[in-house]
C-alpha atoms as a PDB file:
ATOM      1  CA  MET A   1      92.515  50.913  79.908  1.00  0.00           C
ATOM      2  CA  ARG A   2      90.472  52.984  77.491  1.00  0.00           C
ATOM      3  CA  LEU A   3      88.067  53.922  80.259  1.00  0.00           C
ATOM      4  CA  LEU A   4      90.986  55.360  82.261  1.00  0.00           C
ATOM      5  CA  VAL A   5      92.610  57.215  79.388  1.00  0.00           C
ATOM      6  CA  LEU A   6      89.505  59.139  78.369  1.00  0.00           C
ATOM      7  CA  PRO A   7      88.926  60.993  81.683  1.00  0.00           C
ATOM      8  CA  ILE A   8      92.616  61.834  81.917  1.00  0.00           C
ATOM      9  CA  ALA A   9      92.600  63.238  78.406  1.00  0.00           C
ATOM     10  CA  ILE A  10      89.508  65.298  79.199  1.00  0.00           C
ATOM     11  CA  ALA A  11      91.081  66.644  82.382  1.00  0.00           C
ATOM     12  CA  PHE A  12      94.204  67.794  80.551  1.00  0.00           C
ATOM     13  CA  ALA A  13      92.081  69.371  77.848  1.00  0.00           C
ATOM     14  CA  PHE A  14      90.771  71.879  80.391  1.00  0.00           C
ATOM     15  CA  VAL A  15      94.178  72.937  81.764  1.00  0.00           C
ATOM     16  CA  PRO A  16      94.936  75.614  79.124  1.00  0.00           C
ATOM     17  CA  ALA A  17      91.564  77.315  79.730  1.00  0.00           C
ATOM     18  CA  ILE A  18      92.157  77.496  83.490  1.00  0.00           C
ATOM     19  CA  ALA A  19      95.664  78.851  83.001  1.00  0.00           C
ATOM     20  CA  ALA A  20      94.394  81.479  80.560  1.00  0.00           C
ATOM     21  CA  ASP A  21      91.851  82.718  83.116  1.00  0.00           C
ATOM     22  CA  ASN A  22      94.660  83.322  85.606  1.00  0.00           C
ATOM     23  CA  LYS A  23      97.196  84.755  83.198  1.00  0.00           C
ATOM     24  CA  PRO A  24      99.062  87.754  84.704  1.00  0.00           C
ATOM     25  CA  VAL A  25      98.326  91.156  83.188  1.00  0.00           C
ATOM     26  CA  GLU A  26     100.946  93.912  82.977  1.00  0.00           C
ATOM     27  CA  PRO A  27      98.921  97.106  82.442  1.00  0.00           C
ATOM     28  CA  PHE A  28     101.972  99.379  82.019  1.00  0.00           C
ATOM     29  CA  ASN A  29     103.981  98.619  78.877  1.00  0.00           C
ATOM     30  CA  GLY A  30     107.065 100.549  79.993  1.00  0.00           C
ATOM     31  CA  LYS A  31     106.872 102.889  76.979  1.00  0.00           C
ATOM     32  CA  ASP A  32     103.756 105.065  77.129  1.00  0.00           C
ATOM     33  CA  LEU A  33     100.354 105.434  78.810  1.00  0.00           C
ATOM     34  CA  LYS A  34      98.419 103.241  76.392  1.00  0.00           C
ATOM     35  CA  GLY A  35      95.679 101.372  78.270  1.00  0.00           C
ATOM     36  CA  TRP A  36      95.270 104.071  80.934  1.00  0.00           C
ATOM     37  CA  LYS A  37      92.671 106.800  81.515  1.00  0.00           C
ATOM     38  CA  PHE A  38      92.511 109.896  83.725  1.00  0.00           C
ATOM     39  CA  LYS A  39      89.912 111.383  86.026  1.00  0.00           C
ATOM     40  CA  ASP A  40      90.667 114.722  84.367  1.00  0.00           C
ATOM     41  CA  GLU A  41      92.939 114.405  81.345  1.00  0.00           C
ATOM     42  CA  LYS A  42      93.599 118.161  81.185  1.00  0.00           C
ATOM     43  CA  LYS A  43      95.164 118.070  84.656  1.00  0.00           C
ATOM     44  CA  SER A  44      97.329 114.998  84.108  1.00  0.00           C
ATOM     45  CA  LYS A  45     100.996 115.154  85.102  1.00  0.00           C
ATOM     46  CA  TRP A  46     101.588 111.458  84.466  1.00  0.00           C
ATOM     47  CA  SER A  47     104.207 110.245  82.010  1.00  0.00           C
ATOM     48  CA  ALA A  48     106.256 107.198  81.106  1.00  0.00           C
ATOM     49  CA  VAL A  49     109.722 108.220  82.222  1.00  0.00           C
ATOM     50  CA  ALA A  50     112.420 107.098  84.649  1.00  0.00           C
ATOM     51  CA  VAL A  51     112.882 109.368  87.659  1.00  0.00           C
ATOM     52  CA  VAL A  52     115.277 109.961  90.559  1.00  0.00           C
ATOM     53  CA  VAL A  53     114.952 112.127  93.649  1.00  0.00           C
ATOM     54  CA  CYS A  54     116.099 115.647  92.812  1.00  0.00           C
ATOM     55  CA  PRO A  55     119.564 116.278  94.351  1.00  0.00           C
ATOM     56  CA  LYS A  56     118.657 119.923  95.058  1.00  0.00           C
ATOM     57  CA  ASN A  57     115.225 119.189  96.542  1.00  0.00           C
ATOM     58  CA  ASP A  58     114.557 115.788  98.119  1.00  0.00           C
ATOM     59  CA  LYS A  59     110.804 116.412  97.999  1.00  0.00           C
ATOM     60  CA  ASP A  60     110.697 116.319  94.193  1.00  0.00           C
ATOM     61  CA  PHE A  61     111.566 113.907  91.400  1.00  0.00           C
ATOM     62  CA  LEU A  62     113.825 114.667  88.480  1.00  0.00           C
ATOM     63  CA  GLU A  63     113.241 113.001  85.117  1.00  0.00           C
ATOM     64  CA  ALA A  64     116.124 110.702  84.229  1.00  0.00           C
ATOM     65  CA  PRO A  65     115.449 109.066  80.837  1.00  0.00           C
ATOM     66  CA  GLU A  66     119.127 108.121  80.606  1.00  0.00           C
ATOM     67  CA  ARG A  67     118.425 105.556  83.359  1.00  0.00           C
ATOM     68  CA  GLY A  68     116.746 103.348  80.758  1.00  0.00           C
ATOM     69  CA  ALA A  69     113.385 101.676  81.452  1.00  0.00           C
ATOM     70  CA  ALA A  70     110.527 104.105  81.988  1.00  0.00           C
ATOM     71  CA  PHE A  71     108.303 104.171  85.055  1.00  0.00           C
ATOM     72  CA  LEU A  72     104.683 105.231  85.360  1.00  0.00           C
ATOM     73  CA  SER A  73     105.538 108.527  87.020  1.00  0.00           C
ATOM     74  CA  ASN A  74     103.898 111.656  88.384  1.00  0.00           C
ATOM     75  CA  THR A  75     107.045 113.724  88.673  1.00  0.00           C
ATOM     76  CA  LYS A  76     105.806 116.929  90.322  1.00  0.00           C
ATOM     77  CA  GLY A  77     102.712 115.805  92.223  1.00  0.00           C
ATOM     78  CA  GLY A  78      99.239 117.270  91.924  1.00  0.00           C
ATOM     79  CA  GLY A  79      97.153 116.795  88.832  1.00  0.00           C
ATOM     80  CA  THR A  80      94.750 113.888  88.594  1.00  0.00           C
ATOM     81  CA  ASP A  81      94.287 110.166  89.234  1.00  0.00           C
ATOM     82  CA  ILE A  82      95.139 107.556  86.593  1.00  0.00           C
ATOM     83  CA  TYR A  83      93.403 104.207  86.096  1.00  0.00           C
ATOM     84  CA  THR A  84      93.414 101.180  83.819  1.00  0.00           C
ATOM     85  CA  GLU A  85      90.985 100.765  80.962  1.00  0.00           C
ATOM     86  CA  GLU A  86      90.720  97.090  81.908  1.00  0.00           C
ATOM     87  CA  LYS A  87      88.558  96.102  84.873  1.00  0.00           C
ATOM     88  CA  PHE A  88      89.180  93.327  87.391  1.00  0.00           C
ATOM     89  CA  GLY A  89      87.481  91.417  90.198  1.00  0.00           C
ATOM     90  CA  ASP A  90      89.352  89.084  92.553  1.00  0.00           C
ATOM     91  CA  LEU A  91      93.093  89.454  92.003  1.00  0.00           C
ATOM     92  CA  THR A  92      96.629  89.487  93.278  1.00  0.00           C
ATOM     93  CA  LEU A  93      98.481  92.741  92.636  1.00  0.00           C
ATOM     94  CA  GLU A  94     102.250  93.070  92.710  1.00  0.00           C
ATOM     95  CA  LEU A  95     104.045  96.357  92.114  1.00  0.00           C
ATOM     96  CA  GLU A  96     106.976  98.498  93.103  1.00  0.00           C
ATOM     97  CA  PHE A  97     106.676 102.171  93.997  1.00  0.00           C
ATOM     98  CA  MET A  98     108.910 105.058  94.996  1.00  0.00           C
ATOM     99  CA  VAL A  99     108.191 108.411  96.644  1.00  0.00           C
ATOM    100  CA  PRO A 100     110.418 111.360  97.515  1.00  0.00           C
ATOM    101  CA  LYS A 101     110.532 112.804 101.023  1.00  0.00           C
ATOM    102  CA  GLY A 102     107.132 113.646 102.513  1.00  0.00           C
ATOM    103  CA  SER A 103     105.132 112.482  99.488  1.00  0.00           C
ATOM    104  CA  ASN A 104     101.636 111.013  99.503  1.00  0.00           C
ATOM    105  CA  SER A 105      99.745 108.822  97.017  1.00  0.00           C
ATOM    106  CA  GLY A 106      97.551 105.727  97.015  1.00  0.00           C
ATOM    107  CA  ILE A 107      96.611 102.514  95.239  1.00  0.00           C
ATOM    108  CA  TYR A 108      92.887 102.051  94.670  1.00  0.00           C
ATOM    109  CA  LEU A 109      91.780  98.470  94.046  1.00  0.00           C
ATOM    110  CA  MET A 110      88.768  98.500  91.703  1.00  0.00           C
ATOM    111  CA  GLY A 111      89.184 102.274  91.740  1.00  0.00           C
ATOM    112  CA  GLU A 112      87.486 102.379  95.156  1.00  0.00           C
ATOM    113  CA  TYR A 113      89.463 100.721  97.997  1.00  0.00           C
ATOM    114  CA  GLU A 114      92.708 102.474  98.909  1.00  0.00           C
ATOM    115  CA  VAL A 115      96.017 101.158 100.137  1.00  0.00           C
ATOM    116  CA  GLN A 116      97.848 104.245 101.334  1.00  0.00           C
ATOM    117  CA  ILE A 117     101.227 105.370 100.046  1.00  0.00           C
ATOM    118  CA  LEU A 118     103.109 107.840 102.248  1.00  0.00           C
ATOM    119  CA  ASP A 119     106.664 108.590 103.270  1.00  0.00           C
ATOM    120  CA  SER A 120     106.363 106.991 106.728  1.00  0.00           C
ATOM    121  CA  PHE A 121     110.037 106.110 107.091  1.00  0.00           C
ATOM    122  CA  GLY A 122     111.209 105.988 110.711  1.00  0.00           C
ATOM    123  CA  LYS A 123     107.802 106.404 112.332  1.00  0.00           C
ATOM    124  CA  ALA A 124     107.287 104.317 115.482  1.00  0.00           C
ATOM    125  CA  ASP A 125     104.948 101.328 115.203  1.00  0.00           C
ATOM    126  CA  ASP A 126     102.702 102.595 118.008  1.00  0.00           C
ATOM    127  CA  LYS A 127     102.239 105.915 116.199  1.00  0.00           C
ATOM    128  CA  LEU A 128     100.973 104.435 112.918  1.00  0.00           C
ATOM    129  CA  THR A 129      97.571 105.617 111.714  1.00  0.00           C
ATOM    130  CA  GLN A 130      95.199 104.955 108.852  1.00  0.00           C
ATOM    131  CA  GLY A 131      97.080 107.591 106.884  1.00  0.00           C
ATOM    132  CA  ASP A 132     100.489 105.898 106.969  1.00  0.00           C
ATOM    133  CA  LEU A 133     102.184 103.715 104.378  1.00  0.00           C
ATOM    134  CA  GLY A 134     100.289 100.469 103.881  1.00  0.00           C
ATOM    135  CA  ALA A 135      97.161 101.588 105.716  1.00  0.00           C
ATOM    136  CA  LEU A 136      93.771 100.604 104.343  1.00  0.00           C
ATOM    137  CA  TYR A 137      92.581 104.161 104.343  1.00  0.00           C
ATOM    138  CA  SER A 138      89.526 104.700 106.565  1.00  0.00           C
ATOM    139  CA  ALA A 139      89.609 101.011 107.625  1.00  0.00           C
ATOM    140  CA  ALA A 140      92.864  99.808 109.247  1.00  0.00           C
ATOM    141  CA  ALA A 141      96.352 101.012 110.155  1.00  0.00           C
ATOM    142  CA  PRO A 142      99.335  98.797 109.276  1.00  0.00           C
ATOM    143  CA  LYS A 143     100.490  96.381 111.989  1.00  0.00           C
ATOM    144  CA  LYS A 144     104.119  97.530 111.833  1.00  0.00           C
ATOM    145  CA  ASN A 145     106.194 100.063 109.952  1.00  0.00           C
ATOM    146  CA  PHE A 146     108.215  98.422 107.188  1.00  0.00           C
ATOM    147  CA  ALA A 147     108.687 101.632 105.179  1.00  0.00           C
ATOM    148  CA  LYS A 148     112.001 102.192 103.451  1.00  0.00           C
ATOM    149  CA  LYS A 149     113.738 105.530 103.035  1.00  0.00           C
ATOM    150  CA  PRO A 150     112.224 107.985 100.530  1.00  0.00           C
ATOM    151  CA  GLY A 151     113.850 107.563  97.135  1.00  0.00           C
ATOM    152  CA  GLU A 152     114.132 103.774  97.507  1.00  0.00           C
ATOM    153  CA  TRP A 153     111.982 101.295  95.610  1.00  0.00           C
ATOM    154  CA  GLN A 154     109.434  99.487  97.775  1.00  0.00           C
ATOM    155  CA  LYS A 155     107.067  96.612  97.003  1.00  0.00           C
ATOM    156  CA  PHE A 156     103.450  95.736  97.683  1.00  0.00           C
ATOM    157  CA  VAL A 157     101.881  92.308  97.179  1.00  0.00           C
ATOM    158  CA  ILE A 158      98.110  92.523  97.635  1.00  0.00           C
ATOM    159  CA  SER A 159      95.579  89.686  97.538  1.00  0.00           C
ATOM    160  CA  PHE A 160      92.119  91.191  97.082  1.00  0.00           C
ATOM    161  CA  GLN A 161      88.585  89.823  96.987  1.00  0.00           C
ATOM    162  CA  ALA A 162      86.008  91.918  95.172  1.00  0.00           C
ATOM    163  CA  PRO A 163      82.537  92.481  96.627  1.00  0.00           C
ATOM    164  CA  LYS A 164      79.938  89.929  95.533  1.00  0.00           C
ATOM    165  CA  PHE A 165      76.502  90.637  94.149  1.00  0.00           C
ATOM    166  CA  GLU A 166      73.279  88.847  93.295  1.00  0.00           C
ATOM    167  CA  GLY A 167      71.700  91.204  90.838  1.00  0.00           C
ATOM    168  CA  GLU A 168      71.997  94.649  92.454  1.00  0.00           C
ATOM    169  CA  LYS A 169      72.120  93.251  95.996  1.00  0.00           C
ATOM    170  CA  LYS A 170      75.559  93.025  97.616  1.00  0.00           C
ATOM    171  CA  THR A 171      76.029  89.643  99.286  1.00  0.00           C
ATOM    172  CA  ALA A 172      79.641  89.992 100.480  1.00  0.00           C
ATOM    173  CA  ASN A 173      81.947  92.901 101.254  1.00  0.00           C
ATOM    174  CA  ALA A 174      85.224  93.553  99.504  1.00  0.00           C
ATOM    175  CA  LYS A 175      88.135  92.105 101.459  1.00  0.00           C
ATOM    176  CA  PHE A 176      91.892  92.520 101.560  1.00  0.00           C
ATOM    177  CA  LEU A 177      92.903  88.889 102.086  1.00  0.00           C
ATOM    178  CA  SER A 178      96.549  89.847 102.528  1.00  0.00           C
ATOM    179  CA  VAL A 179      98.709  92.950 102.132  1.00  0.00           C
ATOM    180  CA  SER A 180     102.487  92.627 102.273  1.00  0.00           C
ATOM    181  CA  LEU A 181     104.887  95.574 102.257  1.00  0.00           C
ATOM    182  CA  ASN A 182     108.539  94.919 101.453  1.00  0.00           C
ATOM    183  CA  GLY A 183     108.086  91.205 102.155  1.00  0.00           C
ATOM    184  CA  GLU A 184     106.232  91.591 105.479  1.00  0.00           C
ATOM    185  CA  GLU A 185     102.494  91.016 105.937  1.00  0.00           C
ATOM    186  CA  ILE A 186     100.769  94.062 107.406  1.00  0.00           C
ATOM    187  CA  HIS A 187      97.082  93.114 106.890  1.00  0.00           C
ATOM    188  CA  LYS A 188      95.135  89.861 106.777  1.00  0.00           C
ATOM    189  CA  ASN A 189      91.419  89.334 106.044  1.00  0.00           C
ATOM    190  CA  VAL A 190      90.299  92.943 106.436  1.00  0.00           C
ATOM    191  CA  GLU A 191      86.746  93.565 105.205  1.00  0.00           C
ATOM    192  CA  MET A 192      85.932  96.876 103.575  1.00  0.00           C
ATOM    193  CA  MET A 193      82.479  97.881 104.739  1.00  0.00           C
ATOM    194  CA  LYS A 194      82.351 100.717 102.217  1.00  0.00           C
ATOM    195  CA  VAL A 195      84.431 102.407  99.540  1.00  0.00           C
ATOM    196  CA  THR A 196      87.301 104.746 100.384  1.00  0.00           C
ATOM    197  CA  PRO A 197      86.669 108.480  99.971  1.00  0.00           C
ATOM    198  CA  GLY A 198      88.262 109.882  96.836  1.00  0.00           C
ATOM    199  CA  GLY A 199      87.641 106.805  94.704  1.00  0.00           C
ATOM    200  CA  LEU A 200      86.725 106.745  91.052  1.00  0.00           C
ATOM    201  CA  THR A 201      82.931 106.525  91.310  1.00  0.00           C
ATOM    202  CA  GLY A 202      82.141 106.221  95.028  1.00  0.00           C
ATOM    203  CA  LYS A 203      80.087 103.112  94.257  1.00  0.00           C
ATOM    204  CA  GLU A 204      80.685  99.387  94.715  1.00  0.00           C
ATOM    205  CA  ALA A 205      80.585  96.988  91.771  1.00  0.00           C
ATOM    206  CA  ALA A 206      81.651  93.453  90.857  1.00  0.00           C
ATOM    207  CA  THR A 207      84.623  94.680  88.807  1.00  0.00           C
ATOM    208  CA  GLY A 208      86.663  97.841  88.533  1.00  0.00           C
ATOM    209  CA  PRO A 209      90.012  99.244  87.358  1.00  0.00           C
ATOM    210  CA  LEU A 210      93.310  99.671  89.156  1.00  0.00           C
ATOM    211  CA  MET A 211      93.771 103.351  90.022  1.00  0.00           C
ATOM    212  CA  PHE A 212      96.727 105.368  91.302  1.00  0.00           C
ATOM    213  CA  GLN A 213      96.235 108.619  93.183  1.00  0.00           C
ATOM    214  CA  GLY A 214      97.858 111.474  91.329  1.00  0.00           C
ATOM    215  CA  ASP A 215      96.415 114.642  92.888  1.00  0.00           C
ATOM    216  CA  HIS A 216      98.722 114.636  95.943  1.00  0.00           C
ATOM    217  CA  GLY A 217     102.519 114.162  95.848  1.00  0.00           C
ATOM    218  CA  PRO A 218     105.073 112.820  93.353  1.00  0.00           C
ATOM    219  CA  VAL A 219     105.108 109.030  92.951  1.00  0.00           C
ATOM    220  CA  ALA A 220     106.514 106.441  90.548  1.00  0.00           C
ATOM    221  CA  PHE A 221     105.459 102.849  89.822  1.00  0.00           C
ATOM    222  CA  ARG A 222     107.116  99.971  87.985  1.00  0.00           C
ATOM    223  CA  ASN A 223     106.804  96.184  87.542  1.00  0.00           C
ATOM    224  CA  ILE A 224     103.021  96.298  87.875  1.00  0.00           C
ATOM    225  CA  LYS A 225     101.501  92.827  87.602  1.00  0.00           C
ATOM    226  CA  ILE A 226      97.868  91.821  88.104  1.00  0.00           C
ATOM    227  CA  THR A 227      96.907  88.164  88.347  1.00  0.00           C
ATOM    228  CA  PRO A 228      93.113  87.702  88.140  1.00  0.00           C
ATOM    229  CA  LYS A 229      91.649  84.924  90.264  1.00  0.00           C
ATOM    230  CA  LYS A 230      88.991  82.634  88.858  1.00  0.00           C
END
């Protein structure tokens, strides 16, 4: 019996370490921009504030702190990109986002590979391009249009594999294993042969930050959760 107990005890001893490696990270604390950096801090229009679509102009947001919990928001559009201080490799990203009418933004995995954000509500499936909501910009258009109306919260769940390296030599491309928009899968196993234009450095690496495009239109994010994969 002792011979059986020892391996079991050893196996359980390793469980906490494995769990810790895959512990979800919430990079936005819901209060301020601690833990985030900017491409150009002087141009930043990002803030931690709740927003709603402006009743007098459906292409803009209006700050609404009385709504309670803050969002990571670029209320007027333009400005600069924002990215996490922490860097990641393989991961699963979950987040909610909202845009007003006609707005444009993007989610850059590792600061370099973009999942497009755009008000694509109502566009026919056969008209979708690499610029529409959920597109892997410069790589693949979404399979179908699952965009909600502007002003509504929408959700991405993204499973991402970072590029692999042996020394300075890349041995495997980055890959979007799965991208789901509002509960529907729109991409599966899409390799990224190169970085997306407009990224943080324009170079590939084993790890990188999460970046949101902030030099186009207004956009808001909430419930951002990153689960690193071991």
